[in-house]
Amino acid sequence: MILDPYEAKALEYLVGIMFLVLFALFWHYATGTPRPKRERRAPSPQKLTHVKHAATATAILLVASLAGAATLKLPGPIVLPQSPDSPGKVTFTHETHVDAGQPRCTACHPREFRILKATKRTAITHERMDKGGQCGSCHNGTAAFALDQDCTFCHGS
């Protein structure tokens, strides 16, 4: 199953809520409800059956959420507009910028690049990058390769 980042997060929350509900049911059946002025008795075989069902359902959901973890659906390649003095086109791919195992879309969105609100797009320029904005916020030589290392890393021929 392929999900976008927001669907994946919603699914994560839903599985968590379902796990908590099943755990609450398990706890209820395992401990029983308090009985005022009565001696506490051992759980009946019927209650033990409910506990087994709740534990089995919890285990199934947990395994399903771990084994069938949704894969992140990344947008396709983005070809950026080429300026007249550019050495070549720049094609941005999310695959080279996102760790699929731990996607952190908020590392760039909305801090450097807004995606949810309809806003006027700011042109991506070396002037802004050299000041630490846009691509330059990571491509500074420490977090990722520096902008002045090799133009062909970004600009295709």
Protein backbone atom coordinates (compact mmCIF):
# COMPACT_ATOMS: atom_id res chain seq x y z
CA MET A 1 0.00 0.00 0.00
CA ILE A 2 1.43 3.39 -0.97
CA LEU A 3 0.39 6.43 1.05
CA ASP A 4 1.33 10.07 1.01
CA PRO A 5 2.97 11.37 4.23
CA TYR A 6 -0.28 12.72 5.69
CA GLU A 7 -2.19 9.49 5.06
CA ALA A 8 0.68 7.51 6.61
CA LYS A 9 0.60 9.70 9.74
CA ALA A 10 -3.21 9.37 9.97
CA LEU A 11 -2.90 5.58 9.69
CA GLU A 12 -0.24 5.62 12.40
CA TYR A 13 -2.60 7.52 14.74
CA LEU A 14 -5.52 5.21 13.91
CA VAL A 15 -3.49 2.08 14.68
CA GLY A 16 -2.34 3.68 17.94
CA ILE A 17 -5.92 4.48 18.97
CA MET A 18 -7.08 0.98 18.10
CA PHE A 19 -4.21 -0.45 20.13
CA LEU A 20 -5.19 1.68 23.14
CA VAL A 21 -8.85 0.63 22.89
CA LEU A 22 -7.90 -3.03 22.71
CA PHE A 23 -5.52 -2.61 25.62
CA ALA A 24 -8.30 -0.96 27.66
CA LEU A 25 -10.61 -3.87 26.85
CA PHE A 26 -7.90 -6.32 27.80
CA TRP A 27 -7.29 -4.50 31.07
CA HIS A 28 -11.00 -4.38 31.85
CA TYR A 29 -11.46 -8.10 31.30
CA ALA A 30 -8.22 -9.05 33.02
CA THR A 31 -8.83 -7.07 36.18
CA GLY A 32 -12.62 -7.13 36.23
CA THR A 33 -14.76 -4.31 37.52
CA PRO A 34 -14.57 -3.44 41.22
CA ARG A 35 -17.35 -5.02 43.26
CA PRO A 36 -18.30 -3.13 46.37
CA LYS A 37 -18.78 -5.13 49.59
CA ARG A 38 -17.96 -8.43 47.90
CA GLU A 39 -15.06 -10.68 48.13
CA ARG A 40 -12.98 -10.65 44.99
CA ARG A 41 -13.34 -13.82 42.98
CA ALA A 42 -11.15 -15.40 40.35
CA PRO A 43 -12.12 -14.47 36.79
CA SER A 44 -14.67 -16.77 35.22
CA PRO A 45 -13.70 -18.96 32.24
CA GLN A 46 -15.87 -16.66 30.08
CA LYS A 47 -13.81 -13.63 31.12
CA LEU A 48 -10.61 -15.51 30.42
CA THR A 49 -11.90 -16.24 26.90
CA HIS A 50 -12.51 -12.50 26.39
CA VAL A 51 -8.99 -11.76 27.61
CA LYS A 52 -7.57 -14.26 25.12
CA HIS A 53 -9.59 -12.71 22.29
CA ALA A 54 -8.51 -9.18 23.23
CA ALA A 55 -4.87 -10.24 23.51
CA THR A 56 -5.02 -12.05 20.15
CA ALA A 57 -6.64 -9.06 18.42
CA THR A 58 -4.06 -6.70 19.94
CA ALA A 59 -1.20 -8.92 18.78
CA ILE A 60 -2.67 -9.18 15.27
CA LEU A 61 -3.05 -5.40 14.99
CA LEU A 62 0.44 -4.79 16.29
CA VAL A 63 2.00 -7.27 13.87
CA ALA A 64 -0.09 -5.90 10.98
CA SER A 65 0.96 -2.34 11.75
CA LEU A 66 4.64 -3.31 11.88
CA ALA A 67 4.74 -5.82 9.04
CA GLY A 68 2.45 -3.96 6.68
CA ALA A 69 3.86 -0.54 7.36
CA ALA A 70 2.81 1.83 4.63
CA THR A 71 5.48 2.94 2.22
CA LEU A 72 5.79 6.62 1.61
CA LYS A 73 4.55 7.83 -1.77
CA LEU A 74 7.01 10.47 -2.88
CA PRO A 75 6.27 12.98 -5.64
CA GLY A 76 7.94 12.44 -8.98
CA PRO A 77 10.95 14.35 -10.32
CA ILE A 78 10.64 18.13 -10.47
CA VAL A 79 12.43 19.92 -13.30
CA LEU A 80 13.27 23.44 -12.17
CA PRO A 81 13.15 26.37 -14.59
CA GLN A 82 16.54 27.07 -16.15
CA SER A 83 17.91 30.59 -16.10
CA PRO A 84 19.92 31.89 -19.09
CA ASP A 85 23.25 31.72 -17.21
CA SER A 86 22.63 28.20 -15.82
CA PRO A 87 25.09 25.44 -16.79
CA GLY A 88 22.20 22.96 -17.19
CA LYS A 89 18.77 21.92 -16.00
CA VAL A 90 18.25 20.91 -12.39
CA THR A 91 15.96 17.96 -11.74
CA PHE A 92 15.03 17.56 -8.09
CA THR A 93 14.10 14.09 -6.87
CA HIS A 94 12.72 13.36 -3.42
CA GLU A 95 14.32 9.89 -3.48
CA THR A 96 17.79 11.43 -3.15
CA HIS A 97 16.72 13.83 -0.39
CA VAL A 98 14.41 11.74 1.83
CA ASP A 99 15.31 8.79 4.02
CA ALA A 100 12.52 6.33 3.12
CA GLY A 101 13.01 4.53 6.44
CA GLN A 102 12.36 7.69 8.45
CA PRO A 103 10.78 10.30 6.20
CA ARG A 104 10.84 13.78 7.67
CA CYS A 105 8.91 15.93 5.24
CA THR A 106 8.94 18.76 7.76
CA ALA A 107 12.70 19.12 7.37
CA CYS A 108 11.98 21.14 4.22
CA HIS A 109 8.20 21.61 4.24
CA PRO A 110 6.97 24.18 5.13
CA ARG A 111 10.19 25.73 6.42
CA GLU A 112 11.99 26.14 3.09
CA PHE A 113 9.36 25.07 0.57
CA ARG A 114 5.63 25.58 1.16
CA ILE A 115 3.41 22.81 -0.22
CA LEU A 116 0.07 23.00 1.57
CA LYS A 117 -0.99 26.61 1.03
CA ALA A 118 -1.47 28.09 -2.40
CA THR A 119 1.30 30.66 -2.31
CA LYS A 120 3.34 32.38 -4.93
CA ARG A 121 6.43 30.26 -5.49
CA THR A 122 9.73 31.93 -4.84
CA ALA A 123 12.32 31.38 -7.55
CA ILE A 124 15.17 29.11 -6.48
CA THR A 125 18.38 31.08 -6.98
CA HIS A 126 22.02 30.69 -6.02
CA GLU A 127 21.84 34.09 -4.35
CA ARG A 128 19.27 32.78 -1.85
CA MET A 129 21.11 29.46 -1.47
CA ASP A 130 24.42 31.21 -0.74
CA LYS A 131 22.68 33.03 2.14
CA GLY A 132 21.58 29.70 3.63
CA GLY A 133 18.07 29.63 2.22
CA GLN A 134 16.28 27.04 0.08
CA CYS A 135 18.72 24.28 -0.97
CA GLY A 136 21.56 26.09 0.83
CA SER A 137 20.02 25.36 4.23
CA CYS A 138 21.37 21.79 3.91
CA HIS A 139 23.85 22.02 1.03
CA ASN A 140 26.41 23.94 3.08
CA GLY A 141 29.27 21.44 3.17
CA THR A 142 28.34 19.99 6.57
CA ALA A 143 24.80 18.58 6.30
CA ALA A 144 25.21 17.80 2.59
CA PHE A 145 27.69 18.59 -0.18
CA ALA A 146 28.43 22.29 -0.64
CA LEU A 147 26.90 24.26 -3.48
CA ASP A 148 30.30 25.18 -4.89
CA GLN A 149 31.73 21.62 -5.04
CA ASP A 150 30.72 20.33 -8.47
CA CYS A 151 28.01 21.97 -10.59
CA THR A 152 27.16 18.67 -12.26
CA PHE A 153 25.85 17.23 -8.97
CA CYS A 154 22.70 19.31 -9.55
CA HIS A 155 23.00 20.72 -13.06
CA GLY A 156 22.77 17.99 -15.66
CA SER A 157 24.68 18.46 -18.88
